[in-house]
Amino acid sequence: MDVTIFLKDHEAEIVEIILRLKSEFNSHDFIEKFSKRFEEEYIDMLVDYKDTGNAFKTVHGKIARYLSVNKVLFEIETTEKVPSEHVFGEIDYIQGWRKL
């Protein structure tokens, strides 16, 4: 499943997810809500990228990039990179966001 095409086809739902987040959030906050809303599709995305060496990092990177490229549409802006624990329990520096 192509992550970018899926996201483009579900922009209205992405707006709904963002509306439910705090005024400042990070990519992991978004992905947590996104993966719950689209659990089956999210799993398919991970499976499709299983041979990349790190399916989570690849898919999450594509999601964060989509938010960044479409930040005007989603009425958000980037802030600083913030530390956040990823799915394997390690700290990573990920994109922070602020609603406009």
N, C-alpha and C. Protein backbone atom coordinates (compact mmCIF):
# COMPACT_ATOMS: atom_id res chain seq x y z
N MET A 1 0.85 -1.18 0.00
CA MET A 1 0.00 0.00 0.00
C MET A 1 0.90 1.24 0.00
N ASP A 2 0.67 2.12 -0.95
CA ASP A 2 1.45 3.35 -1.03
C ASP A 2 0.97 4.32 0.05
N VAL A 3 1.86 4.67 0.96
CA VAL A 3 1.51 5.51 2.10
C VAL A 3 1.01 6.87 1.64
N THR A 4 1.71 7.50 0.72
CA THR A 4 1.35 8.84 0.27
C THR A 4 -0.03 8.86 -0.39
N ILE A 5 -0.31 7.89 -1.23
CA ILE A 5 -1.62 7.83 -1.88
C ILE A 5 -2.72 7.61 -0.84
N PHE A 6 -2.47 6.73 0.11
CA PHE A 6 -3.47 6.49 1.16
C PHE A 6 -3.75 7.79 1.93
N LEU A 7 -2.69 8.49 2.31
CA LEU A 7 -2.87 9.73 3.06
C LEU A 7 -3.65 10.76 2.24
N LYS A 8 -3.30 10.88 0.98
CA LYS A 8 -4.00 11.83 0.11
C LYS A 8 -5.49 11.49 0.02
N ASP A 9 -5.80 10.22 -0.06
CA ASP A 9 -7.19 9.77 -0.16
C ASP A 9 -7.97 9.94 1.15
N HIS A 10 -7.27 10.21 2.25
CA HIS A 10 -7.91 10.29 3.56
C HIS A 10 -7.61 11.61 4.27
N GLU A 11 -7.46 12.67 3.51
CA GLU A 11 -7.12 13.97 4.10
C GLU A 11 -8.18 14.46 5.08
N ALA A 12 -9.46 14.22 4.80
CA ALA A 12 -10.52 14.66 5.71
C ALA A 12 -10.37 13.98 7.08
N GLU A 13 -10.03 12.70 7.08
CA GLU A 13 -9.83 11.99 8.33
C GLU A 13 -8.57 12.47 9.06
N ILE A 14 -7.56 12.84 8.29
CA ILE A 14 -6.33 13.38 8.89
C ILE A 14 -6.66 14.68 9.62
N VAL A 15 -7.46 15.53 8.99
CA VAL A 15 -7.89 16.78 9.64
C VAL A 15 -8.60 16.47 10.95
N GLU A 16 -9.49 15.48 10.94
CA GLU A 16 -10.21 15.09 12.16
C GLU A 16 -9.25 14.63 13.25
N ILE A 17 -8.24 13.85 12.88
CA ILE A 17 -7.26 13.38 13.86
C ILE A 17 -6.52 14.57 14.46
N ILE A 18 -6.08 15.48 13.62
CA ILE A 18 -5.33 16.65 14.10
C ILE A 18 -6.20 17.49 15.02
N LEU A 19 -7.47 17.65 14.69
CA LEU A 19 -8.37 18.44 15.54
C LEU A 19 -8.48 17.86 16.94
N ARG A 20 -8.33 16.55 17.08
CA ARG A 20 -8.45 15.89 18.39
C ARG A 20 -7.15 15.93 19.21
N LEU A 21 -6.06 16.34 18.58
CA LEU A 21 -4.79 16.42 19.30
C LEU A 21 -4.68 17.74 20.05
N LYS A 22 -3.75 17.79 21.00
CA LYS A 22 -3.48 19.04 21.72
C LYS A 22 -2.95 20.08 20.74
N SER A 23 -2.91 21.33 21.17
CA SER A 23 -2.46 22.41 20.28
C SER A 23 -1.01 22.22 19.85
N GLU A 24 -0.20 21.58 20.70
CA GLU A 24 1.15 21.19 20.32
C GLU A 24 1.25 19.69 20.45
N PHE A 25 1.77 19.07 19.41
CA PHE A 25 1.87 17.61 19.38
C PHE A 25 3.10 17.23 18.60
N ASN A 26 3.42 15.94 18.59
CA ASN A 26 4.56 15.48 17.79
C ASN A 26 4.10 14.38 16.83
N SER A 27 4.98 13.98 15.97
CA SER A 27 4.63 12.97 14.97
C SER A 27 4.14 11.68 15.60
N HIS A 28 4.74 11.28 16.72
CA HIS A 28 4.30 10.05 17.38
C HIS A 28 2.87 10.19 17.91
N ASP A 29 2.51 11.37 18.42
CA ASP A 29 1.13 11.59 18.88
C ASP A 29 0.16 11.38 17.72
N PHE A 30 0.51 11.95 16.57
CA PHE A 30 -0.35 11.80 15.39
C PHE A 30 -0.43 10.34 14.96
N ILE A 31 0.72 9.69 14.87
CA ILE A 31 0.77 8.30 14.39
C ILE A 31 0.00 7.37 15.33
N GLU A 32 0.04 7.65 16.61
CA GLU A 32 -0.72 6.84 17.56
C GLU A 32 -2.21 6.88 17.24
N LYS A 33 -2.74 8.07 17.00
CA LYS A 33 -4.17 8.21 16.67
C LYS A 33 -4.46 7.68 15.27
N PHE A 34 -3.56 7.95 14.33
CA PHE A 34 -3.72 7.49 12.96
C PHE A 34 -3.76 5.96 12.91
N SER A 35 -2.83 5.30 13.61
CA SER A 35 -2.75 3.84 13.57
C SER A 35 -3.96 3.20 14.24
N LYS A 36 -4.54 3.89 15.21
CA LYS A 36 -5.76 3.35 15.83
C LYS A 36 -6.94 3.49 14.86
N ARG A 37 -7.05 4.65 14.22
CA ARG A 37 -8.16 4.91 13.29
C ARG A 37 -8.09 4.01 12.06
N PHE A 38 -6.87 3.76 11.58
CA PHE A 38 -6.67 2.98 10.36
C PHE A 38 -5.79 1.75 10.65
N GLU A 39 -6.15 1.00 11.66
CA GLU A 39 -5.31 -0.11 12.12
C GLU A 39 -4.98 -1.10 11.01
N GLU A 40 -5.96 -1.58 10.31
CA GLU A 40 -5.73 -2.58 9.26
C GLU A 40 -4.82 -2.02 8.16
N GLU A 41 -5.10 -0.82 7.72
CA GLU A 41 -4.31 -0.20 6.65
C GLU A 41 -2.88 0.11 7.12
N TYR A 42 -2.76 0.53 8.37
CA TYR A 42 -1.45 0.81 8.96
C TYR A 42 -0.60 -0.47 8.98
N ILE A 43 -1.20 -1.57 9.38
CA ILE A 43 -0.49 -2.85 9.39
C ILE A 43 -0.06 -3.22 7.97
N ASP A 44 -0.97 -3.03 7.00
CA ASP A 44 -0.62 -3.30 5.60
C ASP A 44 0.57 -2.45 5.14
N MET A 45 0.61 -1.19 5.57
CA MET A 45 1.73 -0.31 5.21
C MET A 45 3.04 -0.87 5.76
N LEU A 46 3.01 -1.28 7.02
CA LEU A 46 4.22 -1.82 7.64
C LEU A 46 4.68 -3.09 6.92
N VAL A 47 3.74 -3.95 6.58
CA VAL A 47 4.08 -5.19 5.87
C VAL A 47 4.70 -4.86 4.51
N ASP A 48 4.14 -3.88 3.82
CA ASP A 48 4.65 -3.51 2.50
C ASP A 48 6.09 -2.99 2.56
N TYR A 49 6.49 -2.44 3.69
CA TYR A 49 7.84 -1.89 3.83
C TYR A 49 8.73 -2.76 4.73
N LYS A 50 8.35 -4.01 4.93
CA LYS A 50 9.10 -4.90 5.83
C LYS A 50 10.53 -5.15 5.36
N ASP A 51 10.79 -5.05 4.07
CA ASP A 51 12.12 -5.32 3.54
C ASP A 51 13.04 -4.10 3.52
N THR A 52 12.59 -2.98 4.11
CA THR A 52 13.41 -1.77 4.11
C THR A 52 14.44 -1.77 5.23
N GLY A 53 14.35 -2.72 6.13
CA GLY A 53 15.26 -2.75 7.27
C GLY A 53 14.64 -2.15 8.52
N ASN A 54 13.69 -1.27 8.34
CA ASN A 54 12.97 -0.70 9.47
C ASN A 54 11.63 -0.16 8.97
N ALA A 55 10.64 -1.02 8.92
CA ALA A 55 9.33 -0.65 8.38
C ALA A 55 8.71 0.49 9.16
N PHE A 56 8.84 0.48 10.49
CA PHE A 56 8.26 1.55 11.30
C PHE A 56 8.87 2.89 10.93
N LYS A 57 10.19 2.96 10.89
CA LYS A 57 10.86 4.22 10.56
C LYS A 57 10.49 4.70 9.16
N THR A 58 10.41 3.79 8.22
CA THR A 58 10.06 4.16 6.85
C THR A 58 8.65 4.70 6.76
N VAL A 59 7.68 3.97 7.31
CA VAL A 59 6.28 4.39 7.24
C VAL A 59 6.08 5.67 8.04
N HIS A 60 6.63 5.74 9.24
CA HIS A 60 6.46 6.93 10.06
C HIS A 60 7.10 8.15 9.40
N GLY A 61 8.24 7.94 8.75
CA GLY A 61 8.89 9.03 8.03
C GLY A 61 8.03 9.53 6.88
N LYS A 62 7.39 8.64 6.17
CA LYS A 62 6.51 9.03 5.06
C LYS A 62 5.29 9.79 5.58
N ILE A 63 4.76 9.37 6.71
CA ILE A 63 3.62 10.07 7.30
C ILE A 63 4.03 11.47 7.73
N ALA A 64 5.15 11.58 8.44
CA ALA A 64 5.63 12.90 8.90
C ALA A 64 5.93 13.81 7.71
N ARG A 65 6.51 13.26 6.67
CA ARG A 65 6.81 14.05 5.47
C ARG A 65 5.51 14.55 4.83
N TYR A 66 4.48 13.73 4.79
CA TYR A 66 3.21 14.13 4.21
C TYR A 66 2.61 15.29 5.01
N LEU A 67 2.68 15.21 6.33
CA LEU A 67 2.18 16.30 7.16
C LEU A 67 2.96 17.59 6.86
N SER A 68 4.26 17.46 6.73
CA SER A 68 5.10 18.62 6.47
C SER A 68 4.80 19.27 5.12
N VAL A 69 4.70 18.46 4.10
CA VAL A 69 4.43 18.97 2.75
C VAL A 69 3.05 19.63 2.68
N ASN A 70 2.12 19.14 3.50
CA ASN A 70 0.73 19.63 3.46
C ASN A 70 0.34 20.42 4.71
N LYS A 71 1.30 21.04 5.35
CA LYS A 71 1.02 21.73 6.61
C LYS A 71 0.04 22.90 6.45
N VAL A 72 0.04 23.55 5.29
CA VAL A 72 -0.94 24.63 5.06
C VAL A 72 -2.35 24.05 5.04
N LEU A 73 -2.53 22.95 4.32
CA LEU A 73 -3.82 22.28 4.25
C LEU A 73 -4.31 21.87 5.63
N PHE A 74 -3.40 21.34 6.45
CA PHE A 74 -3.77 20.83 7.77
C PHE A 74 -3.70 21.90 8.87
N GLU A 75 -3.34 23.12 8.48
CA GLU A 75 -3.28 24.25 9.40
C GLU A 75 -2.39 23.95 10.61
N ILE A 76 -1.19 23.49 10.30
CA ILE A 76 -0.19 23.20 11.33
C ILE A 76 1.14 23.80 10.88
N GLU A 77 2.04 23.96 11.83
CA GLU A 77 3.39 24.40 11.51
C GLU A 77 4.38 23.55 12.30
N THR A 78 5.57 23.43 11.76
CA THR A 78 6.59 22.67 12.46
C THR A 78 7.15 23.50 13.61
N THR A 79 7.54 22.80 14.65
CA THR A 79 8.27 23.41 15.76
C THR A 79 9.62 22.70 15.80
N GLU A 80 10.22 22.65 16.96
CA GLU A 80 11.52 21.99 17.07
C GLU A 80 11.36 20.47 17.11
N LYS A 81 12.45 19.79 16.89
CA LYS A 81 12.46 18.33 17.07
C LYS A 81 12.40 18.07 18.57
N VAL A 82 11.66 17.05 18.95
CA VAL A 82 11.46 16.75 20.36
C VAL A 82 11.80 15.28 20.63
N PRO A 83 12.31 14.98 21.82
CA PRO A 83 12.58 13.58 22.15
C PRO A 83 11.27 12.84 22.40
N SER A 84 11.21 11.63 21.89
CA SER A 84 10.01 10.81 22.08
C SER A 84 10.41 9.34 22.01
N GLU A 85 9.79 8.54 22.85
CA GLU A 85 10.06 7.10 22.85
C GLU A 85 9.32 6.46 21.68
N HIS A 86 10.05 5.70 20.86
CA HIS A 86 9.39 5.04 19.74
C HIS A 86 8.94 3.63 20.13
N VAL A 87 8.38 2.90 19.17
CA VAL A 87 7.73 1.61 19.45
C VAL A 87 8.67 0.57 20.05
N PHE A 88 9.99 0.77 19.91
CA PHE A 88 10.94 -0.19 20.47
C PHE A 88 11.52 0.29 21.79
N GLY A 89 10.92 1.35 22.36
CA GLY A 89 11.31 1.83 23.68
C GLY A 89 12.57 2.68 23.70
N GLU A 90 13.07 3.08 22.56
CA GLU A 90 14.25 3.93 22.49
C GLU A 90 13.81 5.37 22.23
N ILE A 91 14.65 6.32 22.64
CA ILE A 91 14.36 7.74 22.43
C ILE A 91 14.87 8.16 21.06
N ASP A 92 14.01 8.84 20.35
CA ASP A 92 14.32 9.35 19.03
C ASP A 92 13.93 10.83 19.03
N TYR A 93 14.54 11.62 18.18
CA TYR A 93 14.15 13.03 18.04
C TYR A 93 13.25 13.15 16.82
N ILE A 94 12.02 13.57 17.06
CA ILE A 94 11.02 13.59 16.00
C ILE A 94 10.43 15.00 15.88
N GLN A 95 9.69 15.20 14.81
CA GLN A 95 9.13 16.52 14.53
C GLN A 95 8.03 16.90 15.50
N GLY A 96 8.12 18.12 16.01
CA GLY A 96 7.04 18.71 16.78
C GLY A 96 6.18 19.56 15.87
N TRP A 97 4.90 19.70 16.26
CA TRP A 97 3.93 20.45 15.46
C TRP A 97 3.12 21.36 16.35
N ARG A 98 2.59 22.42 15.76
CA ARG A 98 1.69 23.34 16.46
C ARG A 98 0.52 23.64 15.52
N LYS A 99 -0.69 23.59 16.08
CA LYS A 99 -1.86 23.96 15.30
C LYS A 99 -1.88 25.47 15.16
N LEU A 100 -2.33 25.93 14.00
CA LEU A 100 -2.44 27.38 13.76
C LEU A 100 -3.81 27.90 14.17
